[in-house]
Amino acid sequence: MPGLEDIKEAYVTPATLDAALEDWLAAVAAYQWRAVQPLSAPAAALLVIDVNKPFVEPGHPLSVPVAPVIVPRLAEVVRAFREVGRPVLWVVQGHHSLEHDRGAHLYAWWPTMMREGTSDTEIAAGLEVAPSEKVIVKRRYSAFYQTDLELTLRCLGVTQVVIGGLLTNVCPYTTAFDAFMRDLDVYYLADGTGAFNRALHVGALCNIAAWCGAVVRCRQVCAWLLGGRRRASRGSRR
């Protein structure tokens, strides 16, 4: 019977990522007909979703072959948010037990369970949670579903969210739509997300662009965040 291993594909490498990114964005362009407004640092937060170890480390049933390729790009965006003092929120999938919060329905779709309080919910190598940053444990695909993410964003005065993580077409994806439904501006990282194969990745990016957000490069987000700060710094030295 076909399973996850049959659809997994290492569709990009560190050496091919930049060229592949341009191909993905060319596909997205037909759907991203609305003008993309620059990110505003004072309004923005970064959501890093499901880069916990089972999704990244080879050998796990849910590991994403391209995860090690996109983690360094995510790390660059994390550093940029920290440099300008804007929130980085980490969201991980985790469950106490099948009976308490996993449920038979989800278990039937995804028998592999990540247990809260174990290494399953630890952030993968290459990324690290700062002491001041919040980790939110979710039980379903969307980071908003029965968590305090919305309350956290409202308390922080956030109106724009930058979203990255795994899988492009599942948890970051449903979170993006839920953010849009809450009147938040969505910026979706084309090279800061990864799926089990290219078709799922590019298809999700096209849907995001058409229906709920701007699909953008990681380096563009960094430039928006850091550009104003660096210009101000140059001005203060004159």
Protein backbone atom coordinates (compact mmCIF):
# COMPACT_ATOMS: atom_id res chain seq x y z
CA MET A 1 0.00 0.00 0.00
CA PRO A 2 1.43 3.41 -0.93
CA GLY A 3 2.51 5.63 1.95
CA LEU A 4 4.49 8.71 2.86
CA GLU A 5 7.80 7.31 1.70
CA ASP A 6 6.36 6.89 -1.79
CA ILE A 7 5.63 10.61 -2.17
CA LYS A 8 8.76 12.00 -0.51
CA GLU A 9 11.21 13.74 -2.79
CA ALA A 10 14.42 15.66 -2.16
CA TYR A 11 13.35 18.27 -4.67
CA VAL A 12 15.95 20.88 -3.76
CA THR A 13 19.50 21.00 -2.39
CA PRO A 14 21.53 23.87 -0.94
CA ALA A 15 23.23 24.24 -4.32
CA THR A 16 19.97 24.40 -6.28
CA LEU A 17 17.81 26.34 -3.81
CA ASP A 18 18.23 29.80 -5.32
CA ALA A 19 17.46 28.63 -8.85
CA ALA A 20 14.54 26.52 -7.64
CA LEU A 21 13.19 29.49 -5.68
CA GLU A 22 12.97 31.56 -8.85
CA ASP A 23 11.13 28.71 -10.59
CA TRP A 24 8.63 28.50 -7.71
CA LEU A 25 8.03 32.23 -7.74
CA ALA A 26 7.55 32.18 -11.50
CA ALA A 27 4.77 29.63 -10.97
CA VAL A 28 3.30 31.76 -8.16
CA ALA A 29 3.37 34.96 -10.26
CA ALA A 30 0.22 34.00 -12.18
CA TYR A 31 -1.69 34.00 -8.88
CA GLN A 32 0.03 36.84 -7.04
CA TRP A 33 -1.59 39.63 -9.02
CA ARG A 34 -2.11 41.91 -6.02
CA ALA A 35 0.71 44.29 -5.19
CA VAL A 36 2.85 42.99 -2.33
CA GLN A 37 3.17 45.68 0.32
CA PRO A 38 6.47 45.90 2.22
CA LEU A 39 6.50 44.32 5.64
CA SER A 40 6.34 46.83 8.49
CA ALA A 41 8.69 45.83 11.31
CA PRO A 42 6.66 47.50 14.11
CA ALA A 43 3.60 45.43 13.12
CA ALA A 44 5.24 42.08 12.41
CA ALA A 45 5.82 38.76 14.15
CA LEU A 46 7.44 35.57 12.88
CA LEU A 47 5.68 32.22 13.24
CA VAL A 48 8.02 29.23 12.93
CA ILE A 49 5.85 26.14 12.65
CA ASP A 50 6.71 22.46 13.12
CA VAL A 51 10.46 22.51 12.84
CA ASN A 52 10.55 20.15 15.78
CA LYS A 53 12.88 17.18 15.44
CA PRO A 54 10.54 14.54 13.95
CA PHE A 55 9.90 16.74 10.90
CA VAL A 56 13.57 17.50 10.30
CA GLU A 57 15.79 14.64 11.41
CA PRO A 58 16.29 11.86 8.82
CA GLY A 59 14.90 8.47 9.70
CA HIS A 60 11.70 9.65 11.35
CA PRO A 61 8.49 8.64 9.49
CA LEU A 62 7.45 12.29 9.23
CA SER A 63 10.83 13.75 8.28
CA VAL A 64 10.83 16.13 5.32
CA PRO A 65 13.75 15.47 2.93
CA VAL A 66 14.27 19.17 2.17
CA ALA A 67 14.00 20.36 5.78
CA PRO A 68 17.78 20.66 6.30
CA VAL A 69 17.90 22.88 3.21
CA ILE A 70 15.33 25.40 4.40
CA VAL A 71 16.34 25.53 8.09
CA PRO A 72 19.31 27.87 7.41
CA ARG A 73 17.01 30.27 5.54
CA LEU A 74 14.60 30.26 8.47
CA ALA A 75 17.50 30.92 10.81
CA GLU A 76 18.36 34.07 8.83
CA VAL A 77 14.82 35.36 9.22
CA VAL A 78 14.84 34.55 12.94
CA ARG A 79 18.05 36.57 13.35
CA ALA A 80 16.55 39.52 11.47
CA PHE A 81 13.44 39.57 13.68
CA ARG A 82 15.60 39.46 16.79
CA GLU A 83 17.84 42.25 15.52
CA VAL A 84 14.89 44.61 15.21
CA GLY A 85 13.30 43.44 18.45
CA ARG A 86 10.20 41.87 16.94
CA PRO A 87 8.53 38.68 18.26
CA VAL A 88 9.51 35.19 17.17
CA LEU A 89 6.88 32.61 18.10
CA TRP A 90 7.57 28.89 17.86
CA VAL A 91 4.73 26.46 17.25
CA VAL A 92 5.22 22.70 17.58
CA GLN A 93 2.98 19.69 17.18
CA GLY A 94 2.70 17.65 20.36
CA HIS A 95 0.26 15.44 22.24
CA HIS A 96 -0.11 14.11 25.76
CA SER A 97 -1.79 10.91 24.62
CA LEU A 98 -4.14 9.42 22.09
CA GLU A 99 -6.98 9.50 24.64
CA HIS A 100 -6.49 13.06 25.88
CA ASP A 101 -5.79 15.18 22.82
CA ARG A 102 -4.74 13.11 19.80
CA GLY A 103 -8.05 11.42 19.11
CA ALA A 104 -8.92 8.43 16.97
CA HIS A 105 -9.77 10.52 13.91
CA LEU A 106 -6.39 12.25 13.67
CA TYR A 107 -4.63 9.04 14.65
CA ALA A 108 -6.29 7.22 11.74
CA TRP A 109 -4.79 9.76 9.34
CA TRP A 110 -1.42 10.11 11.10
CA PRO A 111 -0.58 7.08 13.31
CA THR A 112 2.82 8.55 14.23
CA MET A 113 2.38 10.63 17.37
CA MET A 114 4.73 13.29 18.71
CA ARG A 115 4.64 13.31 22.50
CA GLU A 116 4.63 16.54 24.44
CA GLY A 117 7.41 16.79 27.01
CA THR A 118 9.80 14.59 25.04
CA SER A 119 12.45 15.28 22.41
CA ASP A 120 9.62 15.07 19.85
CA THR A 121 8.68 18.67 20.62
CA GLU A 122 12.24 20.01 20.71
CA ILE A 123 13.29 22.42 17.98
CA ALA A 124 15.64 20.83 15.44
CA ALA A 125 19.34 21.63 15.18
CA GLY A 126 20.10 24.86 13.36
CA LEU A 127 17.38 26.78 15.16
CA GLU A 128 17.17 27.71 18.82
CA VAL A 129 14.48 29.27 20.98
CA ALA A 130 15.70 32.36 22.84
CA PRO A 131 14.83 32.60 26.56
CA SER A 132 12.32 35.40 25.95
CA GLU A 133 10.53 33.62 23.10
CA LYS A 134 7.32 31.68 23.45
CA VAL A 135 6.71 28.09 22.36
CA ILE A 136 3.11 27.13 21.64
CA VAL A 137 2.12 23.46 21.50
CA LYS A 138 -0.72 22.72 19.10
CA ARG A 139 -2.86 19.60 18.74
CA ARG A 140 -4.09 20.01 15.16
CA TYR A 141 -2.84 21.48 11.88
CA SER A 142 -3.54 25.18 12.43
CA ALA A 143 -1.50 27.03 15.03
CA PHE A 144 -4.64 29.00 15.90
CA TYR A 145 -6.88 26.01 16.65
CA GLN A 146 -7.59 25.96 20.40
CA THR A 147 -4.27 27.61 21.31
CA ASP A 148 -3.56 31.07 22.70
CA LEU A 149 -1.75 32.22 19.54
CA GLU A 150 -4.38 34.81 18.63
CA LEU A 151 -4.39 36.24 22.16
CA THR A 152 -0.59 36.39 22.11
CA LEU A 153 -0.51 38.25 18.79
CA ARG A 154 -3.18 40.72 19.93
CA CYS A 155 -1.28 41.40 23.16
CA LEU A 156 1.88 42.04 21.15
CA GLY A 157 0.06 44.45 18.82
CA VAL A 158 0.82 42.32 15.77
CA THR A 159 -1.09 42.89 12.53
CA GLN A 160 1.32 41.14 10.13
CA VAL A 161 2.63 37.58 10.37
CA VAL A 162 5.53 36.02 8.52
CA ILE A 163 5.04 32.26 8.34
CA GLY A 164 7.61 29.53 7.73
CA GLY A 165 8.11 25.89 8.62
CA LEU A 166 6.87 22.42 7.73
CA LEU A 167 4.92 21.22 5.80
CA THR A 168 4.24 23.93 3.20
CA ASN A 169 0.82 22.49 2.39
CA VAL A 170 -0.34 21.49 5.87
CA CYS A 171 0.33 23.27 9.18
CA PRO A 172 1.88 26.58 8.04
CA TYR A 173 -0.72 26.55 5.25
CA THR A 174 -3.78 26.17 7.46
CA THR A 175 -2.28 28.69 9.87
CA ALA A 176 -1.95 31.20 7.03
CA PHE A 177 -5.61 30.88 6.12
CA ASP A 178 -6.65 31.19 9.76
CA ALA A 179 -4.46 34.30 10.11
CA PHE A 180 -6.16 35.81 7.08
CA MET A 181 -9.58 35.07 8.61
CA ARG A 182 -8.45 37.07 11.64
CA ASP A 183 -7.60 40.10 9.48
CA LEU A 184 -3.85 39.63 9.76
CA ASP A 185 -1.57 40.32 6.80
CA VAL A 186 0.20 37.11 5.77
CA TYR A 187 3.74 36.85 4.37
CA TYR A 188 4.57 33.26 3.41
CA LEU A 189 8.19 32.20 3.02
CA ALA A 190 8.73 30.37 -0.27
CA ASP A 191 12.23 29.26 0.70
CA GLY A 192 11.44 29.03 4.40
CA THR A 193 8.84 26.29 4.00
CA GLY A 194 9.16 22.72 2.75
CA ALA A 195 6.86 19.87 1.72
CA PHE A 196 7.20 16.18 0.97
CA ASN A 197 7.59 16.94 -2.75
CA ARG A 198 7.75 19.82 -5.20
CA ALA A 199 4.18 19.49 -6.43
CA LEU A 200 2.77 19.88 -2.93
CA HIS A 201 5.14 22.76 -2.17
CA VAL A 202 4.45 24.80 -5.30
CA GLY A 203 0.72 24.05 -5.26
CA ALA A 204 0.45 25.37 -1.71
CA LEU A 205 2.43 28.51 -2.56
CA CYS A 206 0.11 29.23 -5.49
CA ASN A 207 -2.97 28.79 -3.31
CA ILE A 208 -1.59 31.10 -0.63
CA ALA A 209 -0.83 33.79 -3.22
CA ALA A 210 -4.27 33.53 -4.77
CA TRP A 211 -6.34 33.48 -1.60
CA CYS A 212 -4.73 34.76 1.56
CA GLY A 213 -1.21 36.15 1.50
CA ALA A 214 1.99 37.29 -0.15
CA VAL A 215 4.52 34.61 -1.09
CA VAL A 216 7.98 36.07 -0.51
CA ARG A 217 11.68 35.27 -0.33
CA CYS A 218 13.40 35.00 3.04
CA ARG A 219 15.96 37.59 2.01
CA GLN A 220 13.21 40.04 1.08
CA VAL A 221 11.74 39.79 4.57
CA CYS A 222 15.20 40.36 6.05
CA ALA A 223 15.70 43.40 3.82
CA TRP A 224 12.35 44.90 4.87
CA LEU A 225 13.17 44.40 8.52
CA LEU A 226 16.78 45.52 8.50
CA GLY A 227 16.75 48.12 5.74
CA GLY A 228 15.08 50.86 7.76
CA ARG A 229 17.23 50.18 10.80
CA ARG A 230 20.44 50.31 8.80
CA ARG A 231 19.38 53.50 7.01
CA ALA A 232 18.61 55.08 10.37
CA SER A 233 21.99 53.97 11.69
CA ARG A 234 23.81 55.51 8.73
CA GLY A 235 21.86 58.73 9.22
CA SER A 236 22.80 58.93 12.91
CA ARG A 237 26.51 58.71 12.01
CA ARG A 238 26.38 61.73 9.73
